[in-house]
Protein backbone atom coordinates (compact mmCIF):
# COMPACT_ATOMS: atom_id res chain seq x y z
CA UNK A 1 -35.78 216.70 58.63
CA UNK A 2 -35.18 216.79 54.63
CA UNK A 3 -32.20 218.25 53.11
CA UNK A 4 -32.97 220.01 49.95
CA UNK A 5 -30.24 218.74 47.53
CA UNK A 6 -31.72 220.60 44.50
CA UNK A 7 -31.56 223.72 46.63
CA UNK A 8 -27.86 223.08 47.50
CA UNK A 9 -27.06 222.69 43.71
CA UNK A 10 -28.77 225.39 42.80
CA UNK A 11 -27.13 227.66 45.45
CA UNK A 12 -23.88 226.33 44.48
CA UNK A 13 -24.45 227.22 40.56
CA UNK A 14 -25.60 230.49 41.52
CA UNK A 15 -22.29 231.29 42.92
CA UNK A 16 -20.30 229.77 40.12
CA UNK A 17 -18.99 226.93 42.22
CA UNK A 18 -18.33 223.53 40.56
CA UNK A 19 -18.90 220.29 42.92
CA UNK A 20 -15.09 220.17 43.48
CA UNK A 21 -15.32 224.00 44.69
CA UNK A 22 -17.86 223.44 47.08
CA UNK A 23 -16.55 220.21 48.29
CA UNK A 24 -13.57 221.81 48.98
CA UNK A 25 -14.97 224.70 50.91
CA UNK A 26 -16.88 222.50 53.00
CA UNK A 27 -14.16 220.01 53.66
CA UNK A 28 -16.28 217.33 52.19
CA UNK A 29 -15.65 214.65 49.75
CA UNK A 30 -16.58 215.02 46.10
CA UNK A 31 -18.79 211.85 45.89
CA UNK A 32 -20.62 212.80 49.41
CA UNK A 33 -21.41 216.00 48.22
CA UNK A 34 -22.69 214.74 44.97
CA UNK A 35 -24.74 212.04 46.98
CA UNK A 36 -26.36 215.00 49.11
CA UNK A 37 -27.32 217.08 45.97
CA UNK A 38 -29.01 213.95 44.42
CA UNK A 39 -30.97 213.30 47.66
CA UNK A 40 -29.49 209.88 48.09
CA UNK A 41 -27.54 210.98 51.24
CA UNK A 42 -29.05 212.80 54.62
CA UNK A 43 -25.99 214.69 55.93
CA UNK A 44 -25.52 215.32 59.74
CA UNK A 45 -26.29 218.74 61.36
CA UNK A 46 -22.39 218.99 61.32
CA UNK A 47 -22.25 218.65 57.70
CA UNK A 48 -25.36 221.20 56.94
CA UNK A 49 -23.31 223.82 58.89
CA UNK A 50 -20.38 223.29 56.69
CA UNK A 51 -22.57 223.71 53.54
CA UNK A 52 -24.44 226.58 54.83
CA UNK A 53 -21.00 228.20 55.80
CA UNK A 54 -19.30 227.50 52.41
CA UNK A 55 -22.39 228.82 50.68
CA UNK A 56 -22.87 232.02 53.05
CA UNK A 57 -26.79 231.06 53.69
CA UNK A 58 -28.57 230.03 56.61
CA UNK A 59 -29.23 226.39 57.52
CA UNK A 60 -32.69 227.00 57.08
CA UNK A 61 -32.51 227.32 53.39
CA UNK A 62 -30.71 223.97 53.02
CA UNK A 63 -33.66 221.82 54.83
CA UNK A 64 -37.22 221.45 55.18
CA UNK A 65 -39.27 219.42 57.65
CA UNK A 66 -38.44 219.70 61.08
CA UNK A 67 -37.08 223.46 61.09
CA UNK A 68 -37.59 223.93 64.77
CA UNK A 69 -35.44 221.34 65.80
CA UNK A 70 -32.86 222.31 63.27
CA UNK A 71 -33.01 226.18 64.24
CA UNK A 72 -32.62 225.85 67.91
CA UNK A 73 -29.06 225.64 69.57
CA UNK A 74 -28.46 223.38 72.65
CA UNK A 75 -28.72 226.63 74.58
CA UNK A 76 -32.25 227.47 72.94
CA UNK A 77 -33.58 224.03 73.64
CA UNK A 78 -32.45 224.12 77.39
CA UNK A 79 -34.01 227.52 77.87
CA UNK A 80 -37.27 226.93 75.90
CA UNK A 81 -37.84 223.38 78.11
CA UNK A 82 -36.96 225.34 81.23
CA UNK A 83 -39.31 228.06 80.65
CA UNK A 84 -42.08 225.60 79.48
CA UNK A 85 -41.66 223.79 83.15
CA UNK A 86 -41.67 227.07 85.16
CA UNK A 87 -38.27 226.61 86.15
CA UNK A 88 -36.06 229.41 87.17
CA UNK A 89 -32.29 229.56 85.97
CA UNK A 90 -31.57 228.93 89.85
CA UNK A 91 -34.24 226.14 89.93
CA UNK A 92 -32.44 224.29 87.03
CA UNK A 93 -29.06 224.84 88.17
CA UNK A 94 -30.05 223.27 91.64
CA UNK A 95 -31.59 220.23 90.18
CA UNK A 96 -28.69 219.53 87.70
CA UNK A 97 -26.06 220.19 90.08
CA UNK A 98 -24.33 222.97 88.52
CA UNK A 99 -23.73 226.59 89.09
CA UNK A 100 -26.12 229.31 88.18
CA UNK A 101 -23.39 231.16 86.01
CA UNK A 102 -22.46 227.92 84.22
CA UNK A 103 -26.05 227.01 83.28
CA UNK A 104 -26.28 230.62 82.00
CA UNK A 105 -23.44 230.40 79.92
CA UNK A 106 -25.03 227.12 78.26
CA UNK A 107 -28.15 228.85 77.51
CA UNK A 108 -26.37 231.77 75.81
CA UNK A 109 -24.37 229.38 73.68
CA UNK A 110 -21.09 230.33 74.86
CA UNK A 111 -19.91 227.19 76.27
CA UNK A 112 -20.65 223.69 75.33
CA UNK A 113 -20.66 221.32 78.38
CA UNK A 114 -19.79 217.48 78.46
CA UNK A 115 -22.43 214.77 78.05
CA UNK A 116 -22.41 214.05 81.55
CA UNK A 117 -23.56 217.65 82.41
CA UNK A 118 -26.32 217.42 79.59
CA UNK A 119 -27.50 214.16 81.12
CA UNK A 120 -27.93 215.88 84.50
CA UNK A 121 -29.39 218.85 83.05
CA UNK A 122 -31.87 216.36 81.14
CA UNK A 123 -32.86 214.90 84.56
CA UNK A 124 -33.37 218.14 85.89
CA UNK A 125 -36.01 219.04 83.47
CA UNK A 126 -37.60 215.50 83.56
CA UNK A 127 -37.05 214.72 79.89
CA UNK A 128 -34.88 211.99 78.01
CA UNK A 129 -31.42 212.81 77.58
CA UNK A 130 -32.10 212.13 74.05
CA UNK A 131 -34.28 215.14 73.61
CA UNK A 132 -31.17 217.48 74.39
CA UNK A 133 -28.36 215.33 73.19
CA UNK A 134 -29.67 213.26 70.44
CA UNK A 135 -27.33 210.68 68.98
CA UNK A 136 -24.48 213.32 68.07
CA UNK A 137 -22.32 212.36 71.23
CA UNK A 138 -22.35 208.47 70.42
CA UNK A 139 -18.90 206.77 69.07
CA UNK A 140 -20.91 205.01 66.47
CA UNK A 141 -22.69 208.40 65.07
CA UNK A 142 -19.30 210.34 65.09
CA UNK A 143 -17.81 207.34 62.99
CA UNK A 144 -20.42 207.11 60.38
CA UNK A 145 -20.42 210.90 59.99
CA UNK A 146 -16.77 210.98 59.61
CA UNK A 147 -16.90 207.95 57.21
CA UNK A 148 -19.25 209.52 54.82
CA UNK A 149 -17.78 212.81 55.03
CA UNK A 150 -14.80 211.11 53.43
CA UNK A 151 -16.80 209.23 50.99
CA UNK A 152 -15.93 205.83 52.17
CA UNK A 153 -18.06 202.99 52.42
CA UNK A 154 -18.14 200.54 55.28
CA UNK A 155 -16.00 197.88 53.04
CA UNK A 156 -13.64 200.70 51.94
CA UNK A 157 -13.04 201.69 55.64
CA UNK A 158 -12.73 198.20 56.94
CA UNK A 159 -10.14 197.57 54.30
CA UNK A 160 -8.00 200.49 55.03
CA UNK A 161 -8.44 199.79 58.76
CA UNK A 162 -7.68 196.31 58.69
CA UNK A 163 -10.88 194.97 60.12
CA UNK A 164 -14.19 193.35 58.71
CA UNK A 165 -16.91 195.46 57.11
CA UNK A 166 -19.18 193.67 59.57
CA UNK A 167 -17.37 195.02 62.62
CA UNK A 168 -17.76 198.84 61.31
CA UNK A 169 -21.50 198.36 60.66
CA UNK A 170 -21.91 196.86 64.22
CA UNK A 171 -19.94 199.86 65.66
CA UNK A 172 -21.95 202.35 63.74
CA UNK A 173 -25.34 200.93 64.92
CA UNK A 174 -23.94 200.72 68.71
CA UNK A 175 -24.26 197.11 68.86
CA UNK A 176 -20.57 196.64 69.83
CA UNK A 177 -17.74 198.70 71.37
CA UNK A 178 -14.32 198.47 69.78
CA UNK A 179 -11.46 197.63 71.35
CA UNK A 180 -8.72 200.58 71.68
CA UNK A 181 -6.60 198.77 69.15
CA UNK A 182 -9.47 198.91 66.57
CA UNK A 183 -10.15 202.53 67.48
CA UNK A 184 -6.52 203.60 67.13
CA UNK A 185 -6.80 201.92 63.54
CA UNK A 186 -9.61 203.81 62.50
CA UNK A 187 -8.40 206.87 63.83
CA UNK A 188 -5.10 206.47 61.96
CA UNK A 189 -7.01 206.18 58.69
CA UNK A 190 -9.54 208.97 59.35
CA UNK A 191 -6.87 211.25 60.47
CA UNK A 192 -8.05 212.14 63.82
CA UNK A 193 -7.13 211.53 67.58
CA UNK A 194 -8.54 208.62 69.21
CA UNK A 195 -9.90 210.93 71.67
CA UNK A 196 -12.42 212.24 69.03
CA UNK A 197 -14.21 208.76 69.41
CA UNK A 198 -13.95 208.10 72.99
CA UNK A 199 -13.98 211.76 74.58
CA UNK A 200 -17.38 213.31 75.42
CA UNK A 201 -18.51 216.14 73.13
CA UNK A 202 -16.78 219.29 74.39
CA UNK A 203 -14.74 217.72 77.09
CA UNK A 204 -11.41 218.35 74.74
CA UNK A 205 -12.06 222.06 74.57
CA UNK A 206 -12.80 222.27 78.33
CA UNK A 207 -9.77 220.67 78.88
CA UNK A 208 -7.62 222.70 76.76
CA UNK A 209 -9.47 226.07 77.97
CA UNK A 210 -8.19 225.04 81.65
CA UNK A 211 -4.75 225.21 80.58
CA UNK A 212 -2.49 227.98 81.08
CA UNK A 213 -1.00 229.66 77.74
CA UNK A 214 2.47 228.21 78.65
CA UNK A 215 1.30 224.66 78.89
CA UNK A 216 -0.81 224.99 75.75
CA UNK A 217 2.33 226.14 73.79
CA UNK A 218 4.50 223.26 75.14
CA UNK A 219 1.91 220.78 74.27
CA UNK A 220 2.06 222.02 70.57
CA UNK A 221 5.91 221.13 70.59
CA UNK A 222 6.76 218.64 68.24
CA UNK A 223 9.20 217.03 70.60
CA UNK A 224 6.41 216.85 73.03
CA UNK A 225 3.87 215.40 70.74
CA UNK A 226 6.49 212.90 69.51
CA UNK A 227 6.92 211.76 73.18
CA UNK A 228 3.18 211.60 73.76
CA UNK A 229 2.77 209.61 70.57
CA UNK A 230 5.02 206.78 71.86
CA UNK A 231 3.60 206.92 75.24
CA UNK A 232 0.14 206.07 73.72
CA UNK A 233 1.55 202.70 72.55
CA UNK A 234 2.92 201.93 75.92
CA UNK A 235 1.49 198.90 78.30
CA UNK A 236 0.72 199.98 81.88
CA UNK A 237 3.94 198.33 83.10
CA UNK A 238 6.05 199.88 80.38
CA UNK A 239 4.39 203.39 81.38
CA UNK A 240 5.02 202.95 85.05
CA UNK A 241 8.57 202.34 84.42
CA UNK A 242 9.02 205.40 82.48
CA UNK A 243 7.25 207.58 85.15
CA UNK A 244 9.70 206.20 87.87
CA UNK A 245 12.51 206.82 85.86
CA UNK A 246 11.50 210.56 85.26
CA UNK A 247 10.87 210.78 88.88
CA UNK A 248 14.25 209.33 89.78
CA UNK A 249 15.69 211.73 87.05
CA UNK A 250 14.14 214.83 88.61
CA UNK A 251 15.20 214.06 92.09
CA UNK A 252 18.95 213.56 90.75
CA UNK A 253 18.78 216.77 89.05
CA UNK A 254 17.49 218.66 92.04
CA UNK A 255 20.30 217.18 94.27
């Protein structure tokens, strides 16, 4: 897949947008957008989605090459491979160990399953998981995509996070798994939750959707978020002490 940098620039100019305007609309760094237009950067599908939305055009206008891969959604891919293997929805659901209704929702694009579910679907289709998932779910891919969208080099990110540039490179290449402490540093610099890097794609949305409205509202309260932030830095022993204290407090309150 090749991104048409000149086409992006042409569409931007047709709309009277400066580089700064489009970068802001697409939530990208100015330098990263400039490199995309010059053809020196190959953006992720997520970035292409952002640009297409900001320019109000279809993604197929921004790329050439493997258009089939780009134009197919996750649900389209699953449905296409299922029909090619002459499997019914019920057949694949049984092979993947998921419900028929859930598989139907995946194919319609109304839900995005966790990576573990996608792996089971791939096994049911007897294809490599990468055929469906690609590398978008990997920690290294997420870090690299986010770093480039912020317009940071590996050395700049390393300096901000207090780690070595070599470590950033190894993480992005999937050669090492960073410690939780390193992930916390990177998350703070990039302005995202640590869960962004370690939770399976779609898992956060699924978790939130399972919560009732009252619980979601409670989690948005500033006091609750402050407590959760403090808990995130506790050791296992300290956390157990807090849990014991809460249980003792609740028993005393009930009596």
